[in-house]
Amino acid sequence: RGYVIPIGGAEEKINNPEILKKFVELAGGA
């Protein structure tokens, strides 16, 4: 099964988007 990733809201999108970056990497990056 793929990851299920609930996020608490107001995730950082600019300065240090750690959560969204990790999601993109899991999804395959490029």
Full PDB file with SEQRES, HELIX, SHEET, SSBOND, CRYST1, ORIGX, SCALE, CONECT and MASTER records, all heavy atoms in Angstrom:
SEQRES   1 A   30  ARG GLY TYR VAL ILE PRO ILE GLY GLY ALA GLU GLU LYS          
SEQRES   2 A   30  ILE ASN ASN PRO GLU ILE LEU LYS LYS PHE VAL GLU LEU          
SEQRES   3 A   30  ALA GLY GLY ALA                                              
HELIX    1 AA1 GLU A   18  ALA A   27  1                                  10    
CRYST1    1.000    1.000    1.000  90.00  90.00  90.00 P 1           1          
ORIGX1      1.000000  0.000000  0.000000        0.00000                         
ORIGX2      0.000000  1.000000  0.000000        0.00000                         
ORIGX3      0.000000  0.000000  1.000000        0.00000                         
SCALE1      1.000000  0.000000  0.000000        0.00000                         
SCALE2      0.000000  1.000000  0.000000        0.00000                         
SCALE3      0.000000  0.000000  1.000000        0.00000                         
ATOM      1  N   ARG A   1       0.838  -1.201   0.000  1.00  0.00           N  
ATOM      2  CA  ARG A   1       0.000   0.000   0.000  1.00  0.00           C  
ATOM      3  C   ARG A   1       0.872   1.250   0.000  1.00  0.00           C  
ATOM      4  O   ARG A   1       1.959   1.280   0.579  1.00  0.00           O  
ATOM      5  CB  ARG A   1      -0.872  -0.005   1.264  1.00  0.00           C  
ATOM      6  CG  ARG A   1      -1.998   1.025   1.257  1.00  0.00           C  
ATOM      7  CD  ARG A   1      -2.582   1.195   2.655  1.00  0.00           C  
ATOM      8  NE  ARG A   1      -1.763   2.114   3.428  1.00  0.00           N  
ATOM      9  CZ  ARG A   1      -1.438   1.938   4.701  1.00  0.00           C  
ATOM     10  NH1 ARG A   1      -1.815   0.859   5.339  1.00  0.00           N  
ATOM     11  NH2 ARG A   1      -0.700   2.831   5.336  1.00  0.00           N  
ATOM     12  N   GLY A   2       0.402   2.286  -0.651  1.00  0.00           N  
ATOM     13  CA  GLY A   2       1.122   3.552  -0.628  1.00  0.00           C  
ATOM     14  C   GLY A   2       1.016   4.232   0.724  1.00  0.00           C  
ATOM     15  O   GLY A   2       0.191   3.869   1.563  1.00  0.00           O  
ATOM     16  N   TYR A   3       1.861   5.219   0.934  1.00  0.00           N  
ATOM     17  CA  TYR A   3       1.797   5.996   2.168  1.00  0.00           C  
ATOM     18  C   TYR A   3       0.471   6.756   2.249  1.00  0.00           C  
ATOM     19  O   TYR A   3      -0.087   7.180   1.231  1.00  0.00           O  
ATOM     20  CB  TYR A   3       2.934   7.006   2.225  1.00  0.00           C  
ATOM     21  CG  TYR A   3       4.238   6.465   2.760  1.00  0.00           C  
ATOM     22  CD1 TYR A   3       5.051   5.645   1.971  1.00  0.00           C  
ATOM     23  CD2 TYR A   3       4.673   6.785   4.045  1.00  0.00           C  
ATOM     24  CE1 TYR A   3       6.257   5.156   2.455  1.00  0.00           C  
ATOM     25  CE2 TYR A   3       5.873   6.293   4.534  1.00  0.00           C  
ATOM     26  CZ  TYR A   3       6.652   5.490   3.744  1.00  0.00           C  
ATOM     27  OH  TYR A   3       7.837   4.995   4.225  1.00  0.00           O  
ATOM     28  N   VAL A   4      -0.015   6.916   3.478  1.00  0.00           N  
ATOM     29  CA  VAL A   4      -1.122   7.826   3.770  1.00  0.00           C  
ATOM     30  C   VAL A   4      -0.527   8.919   4.655  1.00  0.00           C  
ATOM     31  O   VAL A   4       0.086   8.632   5.686  1.00  0.00           O  
ATOM     32  CB  VAL A   4      -2.275   7.109   4.486  1.00  0.00           C  
ATOM     33  CG1 VAL A   4      -3.381   8.092   4.830  1.00  0.00           C  
ATOM     34  CG2 VAL A   4      -2.816   5.985   3.615  1.00  0.00           C  
ATOM     35  N   ILE A   5      -0.706  10.189   4.246  1.00  0.00           N  
ATOM     36  CA  ILE A   5       0.034  11.282   4.880  1.00  0.00           C  
ATOM     37  C   ILE A   5      -0.916  12.404   5.295  1.00  0.00           C  
ATOM     38  O   ILE A   5      -1.147  13.357   4.534  1.00  0.00           O  
ATOM     39  CB  ILE A   5       1.118  11.830   3.918  1.00  0.00           C  
ATOM     40  CG1 ILE A   5       1.971  10.690   3.366  1.00  0.00           C  
ATOM     41  CG2 ILE A   5       1.983  12.875   4.620  1.00  0.00           C  
ATOM     42  CD1 ILE A   5       2.753  11.051   2.122  1.00  0.00           C  
ATOM     43  N   PRO A   6      -1.503  12.321   6.489  1.00  0.00           N  
ATOM     44  CA  PRO A   6      -2.304  13.442   6.979  1.00  0.00           C  
ATOM     45  C   PRO A   6      -1.399  14.546   7.514  1.00  0.00           C  
ATOM     46  O   PRO A   6      -0.439  14.275   8.241  1.00  0.00           O  
ATOM     47  CB  PRO A   6      -3.145  12.807   8.098  1.00  0.00           C  
ATOM     48  CG  PRO A   6      -2.341  11.648   8.573  1.00  0.00           C  
ATOM     49  CD  PRO A   6      -1.543  11.158   7.391  1.00  0.00           C  
ATOM     50  N   ILE A   7      -1.711  15.787   7.140  1.00  0.00           N  
ATOM     51  CA  ILE A   7      -0.918  16.966   7.519  1.00  0.00           C  
ATOM     52  C   ILE A   7      -1.821  17.900   8.335  1.00  0.00           C  
ATOM     53  O   ILE A   7      -2.977  18.126   7.968  1.00  0.00           O  
ATOM     54  CB  ILE A   7      -0.395  17.698   6.273  1.00  0.00           C  
ATOM     55  CG1 ILE A   7       0.376  16.742   5.351  1.00  0.00           C  
ATOM     56  CG2 ILE A   7       0.483  18.888   6.660  1.00  0.00           C  
ATOM     57  CD1 ILE A   7       0.633  17.297   3.957  1.00  0.00           C  
ATOM     58  N   GLY A   8      -1.285  18.474   9.387  1.00  0.00           N  
ATOM     59  CA  GLY A   8      -2.100  19.262  10.309  1.00  0.00           C  
ATOM     60  C   GLY A   8      -2.550  20.611   9.803  1.00  0.00           C  
ATOM     61  O   GLY A   8      -3.213  21.357  10.529  1.00  0.00           O  
ATOM     62  N   GLY A   9      -2.250  20.962   8.582  1.00  0.00           N  
ATOM     63  CA  GLY A   9      -2.626  22.249   8.015  1.00  0.00           C  
ATOM     64  C   GLY A   9      -1.503  23.262   8.134  1.00  0.00           C  
ATOM     65  O   GLY A   9      -0.535  23.073   8.882  1.00  0.00           O  
ATOM     66  N   ALA A  10      -1.625  24.366   7.402  1.00  0.00           N  
ATOM     67  CA  ALA A  10      -0.644  25.462   7.441  1.00  0.00           C  
ATOM     68  C   ALA A  10       0.780  24.958   7.274  1.00  0.00           C  
ATOM     69  O   ALA A  10       1.711  25.458   7.910  1.00  0.00           O  
ATOM     70  CB  ALA A  10      -0.787  26.253   8.744  1.00  0.00           C  
ATOM     71  N   GLU A  11       0.965  23.955   6.409  1.00  0.00           N  
ATOM     72  CA  GLU A  11       2.314  23.424   6.179  1.00  0.00           C  
ATOM     73  C   GLU A  11       3.171  24.476   5.481  1.00  0.00           C  
ATOM     74  O   GLU A  11       2.675  25.242   4.638  1.00  0.00           O  
ATOM     75  CB  GLU A  11       2.246  22.140   5.351  1.00  0.00           C  
ATOM     76  CG  GLU A  11       1.839  22.294   3.900  1.00  0.00           C  
ATOM     77  CD  GLU A  11       0.345  22.479   3.707  1.00  0.00           C  
ATOM     78  OE1 GLU A  11      -0.412  22.428   4.696  1.00  0.00           O  
ATOM     79  OE2 GLU A  11      -0.067  22.691   2.540  1.00  0.00           O  
ATOM     80  N   GLU A  12       4.437  24.514   5.846  1.00  0.00           N  
ATOM     81  CA  GLU A  12       5.366  25.483   5.262  1.00  0.00           C  
ATOM     82  C   GLU A  12       5.490  25.209   3.763  1.00  0.00           C  
ATOM     83  O   GLU A  12       5.708  24.076   3.340  1.00  0.00           O  
ATOM     84  CB  GLU A  12       6.730  25.385   5.935  1.00  0.00           C  
ATOM     85  CG  GLU A  12       7.764  26.352   5.386  1.00  0.00           C  
ATOM     86  CD  GLU A  12       7.332  27.802   5.471  1.00  0.00           C  
ATOM     87  OE1 GLU A  12       6.956  28.252   6.584  1.00  0.00           O  
ATOM     88  OE2 GLU A  12       7.347  28.477   4.414  1.00  0.00           O  
ATOM     89  N   LYS A  13       5.351  26.262   2.966  1.00  0.00           N  
ATOM     90  CA  LYS A  13       5.363  26.111   1.511  1.00  0.00           C  
ATOM     91  C   LYS A  13       6.546  26.803   0.845  1.00  0.00           C  
ATOM     92  O   LYS A  13       6.809  26.560  -0.335  1.00  0.00           O  
ATOM     93  CB  LYS A  13       4.052  26.653   0.918  1.00  0.00           C  
ATOM     94  CG  LYS A  13       2.804  25.981   1.463  1.00  0.00           C  
ATOM     95  CD  LYS A  13       1.543  26.657   0.946  1.00  0.00           C  
ATOM     96  CE  LYS A  13       0.287  25.992   1.467  1.00  0.00           C  
ATOM     97  NZ  LYS A  13       0.142  26.128   2.944  1.00  0.00           N  
ATOM     98  N   ILE A  14       7.253  27.692   1.591  1.00  0.00           N  
ATOM     99  CA  ILE A  14       8.299  28.505   0.955  1.00  0.00           C  
ATOM    100  C   ILE A  14       9.658  28.308   1.611  1.00  0.00           C  
ATOM    101  O   ILE A  14      10.610  27.853   0.979  1.00  0.00           O  
ATOM    102  CB  ILE A  14       7.904  30.003   0.974  1.00  0.00           C  
ATOM    103  CG1 ILE A  14       6.594  30.211   0.205  1.00  0.00           C  
ATOM    104  CG2 ILE A  14       9.014  30.852   0.365  1.00  0.00           C  
ATOM    105  CD1 ILE A  14       6.040  31.604   0.302  1.00  0.00           C  
ATOM    106  N   ASN A  15       9.776  28.667   2.887  1.00  0.00           N  
ATOM    107  CA  ASN A  15      11.094  28.726   3.529  1.00  0.00           C  
ATOM    108  C   ASN A  15      11.710  27.352   3.764  1.00  0.00           C  
ATOM    109  O   ASN A  15      12.882  27.134   3.476  1.00  0.00           O  
ATOM    110  CB  ASN A  15      10.993  29.496   4.849  1.00  0.00           C  
ATOM    111  CG  ASN A  15      10.643  30.957   4.629  1.00  0.00           C  
ATOM    112  OD1 ASN A  15      11.075  31.558   3.659  1.00  0.00           O  
ATOM    113  ND2 ASN A  15       9.842  31.526   5.518  1.00  0.00           N  
ATOM    114  N   ASN A  16      10.934  26.437   4.317  1.00  0.00           N  
ATOM    115  CA  ASN A  16      11.440  25.078   4.562  1.00  0.00           C  
ATOM    116  C   ASN A  16      10.281  24.100   4.379  1.00  0.00           C  
ATOM    117  O   ASN A  16       9.773  23.544   5.354  1.00  0.00           O  
ATOM    118  CB  ASN A  16      12.035  24.966   5.961  1.00  0.00           C  
ATOM    119  CG  ASN A  16      12.621  23.585   6.233  1.00  0.00           C  
ATOM    120  OD1 ASN A  16      13.030  22.882   5.310  1.00  0.00           O  
ATOM    121  ND2 ASN A  16      12.637  23.183   7.498  1.00  0.00           N  
ATOM    122  N   PRO A  17       9.885  23.861   3.133  1.00  0.00           N  
ATOM    123  CA  PRO A  17       8.716  23.013   2.864  1.00  0.00           C  
ATOM    124  C   PRO A  17       9.034  21.526   3.017  1.00  0.00           C  
ATOM    125  O   PRO A  17       8.905  20.724   2.079  1.00  0.00           O  
ATOM    126  CB  PRO A  17       8.358  23.369   1.426  1.00  0.00           C  
ATOM    127  CG  PRO A  17       9.673  23.731   0.801  1.00  0.00           C  
ATOM    128  CD  PRO A  17      10.471  24.400   1.898  1.00  0.00           C  
ATOM    129  N   GLU A  18       9.471  21.143   4.210  1.00  0.00           N  
ATOM    130  CA  GLU A  18       9.970  19.790   4.462  1.00  0.00           C  
ATOM    131  C   GLU A  18       8.928  18.722   4.144  1.00  0.00           C  
ATOM    132  O   GLU A  18       9.231  17.697   3.527  1.00  0.00           O  
ATOM    133  CB  GLU A  18      10.407  19.672   5.925  1.00  0.00           C  
ATOM    134  CG  GLU A  18      10.980  18.316   6.300  1.00  0.00           C  
ATOM    135  CD  GLU A  18      11.355  18.232   7.761  1.00  0.00           C  
ATOM    136  OE1 GLU A  18      10.989  19.151   8.524  1.00  0.00           O  
ATOM    137  OE2 GLU A  18      12.010  17.254   8.150  1.00  0.00           O  
ATOM    138  N   ILE A  19       7.691  18.961   4.556  1.00  0.00           N  
ATOM    139  CA  ILE A  19       6.646  17.949   4.375  1.00  0.00           C  
ATOM    140  C   ILE A  19       6.315  17.771   2.900  1.00  0.00           C  
ATOM    141  O   ILE A  19       6.276  16.640   2.375  1.00  0.00           O  
ATOM    142  CB  ILE A  19       5.379  18.343   5.167  1.00  0.00           C  
ATOM    143  CG1 ILE A  19       5.674  18.326   6.674  1.00  0.00           C  
ATOM    144  CG2 ILE A  19       4.220  17.412   4.839  1.00  0.00           C  
ATOM    145  CD1 ILE A  19       4.579  18.959   7.518  1.00  0.00           C  
ATOM    146  N   LEU A  20       6.078  18.880   2.213  1.00  0.00           N  
ATOM    147  CA  LEU A  20       5.712  18.803   0.797  1.00  0.00           C  
ATOM    148  C   LEU A  20       6.862  18.264  -0.039  1.00  0.00           C  
ATOM    149  O   LEU A  20       6.657  17.519  -1.008  1.00  0.00           O  
ATOM    150  CB  LEU A  20       5.276  20.181   0.295  1.00  0.00           C  
ATOM    151  CG  LEU A  20       4.050  20.789   0.992  1.00  0.00           C  
ATOM    152  CD1 LEU A  20       3.703  22.136   0.376  1.00  0.00           C  
ATOM    153  CD2 LEU A  20       2.849  19.846   0.927  1.00  0.00           C  
ATOM    154  N   LYS A  21       8.096  18.620   0.334  1.00  0.00           N  
ATOM    155  CA  LYS A  21       9.265  18.104  -0.388  1.00  0.00           C  
ATOM    156  C   LYS A  21       9.378  16.595  -0.225  1.00  0.00           C  
ATOM    157  O   LYS A  21       9.649  15.879  -1.204  1.00  0.00           O  
ATOM    158  CB  LYS A  21      10.527  18.796   0.126  1.00  0.00           C  
ATOM    159  CG  LYS A  21      11.791  18.389  -0.615  1.00  0.00           C  
ATOM    160  CD  LYS A  21      13.004  19.148  -0.082  1.00  0.00           C  
ATOM    161  CE  LYS A  21      14.266  18.738  -0.837  1.00  0.00           C  
ATOM    162  NZ  LYS A  21      15.462  19.458  -0.306  1.00  0.00           N  
ATOM    163  N   LYS A  22       9.157  16.099   0.978  1.00  0.00           N  
ATOM    164  CA  LYS A  22       9.232  14.655   1.216  1.00  0.00           C  
ATOM    165  C   LYS A  22       8.140  13.921   0.438  1.00  0.00           C  
ATOM    166  O   LYS A  22       8.360  12.827  -0.096  1.00  0.00           O  
ATOM    167  CB  LYS A  22       9.135  14.349   2.707  1.00  0.00           C  
ATOM    168  CG  LYS A  22       9.295  12.874   3.055  1.00  0.00           C  
ATOM    169  CD  LYS A  22       9.340  12.646   4.551  1.00  0.00           C  
ATOM    170  CE  LYS A  22       9.428  11.155   4.894  1.00  0.00           C  
ATOM    171  NZ  LYS A  22      10.669  10.548   4.388  1.00  0.00           N  
ATOM    172  N   PHE A  23       6.951  14.525   0.364  1.00  0.00           N  
ATOM    173  CA  PHE A  23       5.863  13.926  -0.410  1.00  0.00           C  
ATOM    174  C   PHE A  23       6.242  13.823  -1.887  1.00  0.00           C  
ATOM    175  O   PHE A  23       6.034  12.779  -2.523  1.00  0.00           O  
ATOM    176  CB  PHE A  23       4.586  14.747  -0.236  1.00  0.00           C  
ATOM    177  CG  PHE A  23       3.463  14.356  -1.164  1.00  0.00           C  
ATOM    178  CD1 PHE A  23       2.897  13.096  -1.094  1.00  0.00           C  
ATOM    179  CD2 PHE A  23       2.984  15.257  -2.107  1.00  0.00           C  
ATOM    180  CE1 PHE A  23       1.858  12.729  -1.961  1.00  0.00           C  
ATOM    181  CE2 PHE A  23       1.950  14.904  -2.963  1.00  0.00           C  
ATOM    182  CZ  PHE A  23       1.389  13.638  -2.889  1.00  0.00           C  
ATOM    183  N   VAL A  24       6.818  14.878  -2.433  1.00  0.00           N  
ATOM    184  CA  VAL A  24       7.248  14.863  -3.840  1.00  0.00           C  
ATOM    185  C   VAL A  24       8.306  13.787  -4.059  1.00  0.00           C  
ATOM    186  O   VAL A  24       8.262  13.038  -5.053  1.00  0.00           O  
ATOM    187  CB  VAL A  24       7.781  16.247  -4.263  1.00  0.00           C  
ATOM    188  CG1 VAL A  24       8.453  16.169  -5.636  1.00  0.00           C  
ATOM    189  CG2 VAL A  24       6.647  17.265  -4.300  1.00  0.00           C  
ATOM    190  N   GLU A  25       9.249  13.668  -3.144  1.00  0.00           N  
ATOM    191  CA  GLU A  25      10.293  12.646  -3.274  1.00  0.00           C  
ATOM    192  C   GLU A  25       9.712  11.241  -3.245  1.00  0.00           C  
ATOM    193  O   GLU A  25      10.096  10.374  -4.035  1.00  0.00           O  
ATOM    194  CB  GLU A  25      11.324  12.825  -2.155  1.00  0.00           C  
ATOM    195  CG  GLU A  25      12.165  14.084  -2.305  1.00  0.00           C  
ATOM    196  CD  GLU A  25      13.027  14.356  -1.083  1.00  0.00           C  
ATOM    197  OE1 GLU A  25      12.853  13.657  -0.054  1.00  0.00           O  
ATOM    198  OE2 GLU A  25      13.874  15.265  -1.152  1.00  0.00           O  
ATOM    199  N   LEU A  26       8.764  11.009  -2.324  1.00  0.00           N  
ATOM    200  CA  LEU A  26       8.114   9.700  -2.267  1.00  0.00           C  
ATOM    201  C   LEU A  26       7.377   9.381  -3.561  1.00  0.00           C  
ATOM    202  O   LEU A  26       7.361   8.239  -4.027  1.00  0.00           O  
ATOM    203  CB  LEU A  26       7.109   9.655  -1.108  1.00  0.00           C  
ATOM    204  CG  LEU A  26       7.606   9.283   0.279  1.00  0.00           C  
ATOM    205  CD1 LEU A  26       6.468   9.403   1.274  1.00  0.00           C  
ATOM    206  CD2 LEU A  26       8.162   7.864   0.287  1.00  0.00           C  
ATOM    207  N   ALA A  27       6.760  10.419  -4.130  1.00  0.00           N  
ATOM    208  CA  ALA A  27       5.971  10.231  -5.351  1.00  0.00           C  
ATOM    209  C   ALA A  27       6.833  10.033  -6.588  1.00  0.00           C  
ATOM    210  O   ALA A  27       6.309   9.713  -7.658  1.00  0.00           O  
ATOM    211  CB  ALA A  27       5.031  11.418  -5.555  1.00  0.00           C  
ATOM    212  N   GLY A  28       8.161  10.217  -6.449  1.00  0.00           N  
ATOM    213  CA  GLY A  28       9.043   9.940  -7.574  1.00  0.00           C  
ATOM    214  C   GLY A  28       9.892  11.095  -8.040  1.00  0.00           C  
ATOM    215  O   GLY A  28      10.654  10.956  -9.004  1.00  0.00           O  
ATOM    216  N   GLY A  29       9.776  12.263  -7.402  1.00  0.00           N  
ATOM    217  CA  GLY A  29      10.613  13.395  -7.789  1.00  0.00           C  
ATOM    218  C   GLY A  29      10.382  13.805  -9.232  1.00  0.00           C  
ATOM    219  O   GLY A  29       9.261  14.113  -9.645  1.00  0.00           O  
ATOM    220  N   ALA A  30      11.431  13.768 -10.018  1.00  0.00           N  
ATOM    221  CA  ALA A  30      11.334  14.158 -11.426  1.00  0.00           C  
ATOM    222  C   ALA A  30      10.425  13.233 -12.220  1.00  0.00           C  
ATOM    223  O   ALA A  30       9.923  13.605 -13.287  1.00  0.00           O  
ATOM    224  CB  ALA A  30      12.723  14.194 -12.049  1.00  0.00           C  
TER     225      ALA A  30                                                      
MASTER        0    0    0    1    0    0    0    6  224    1    0    3          
END                                                                             
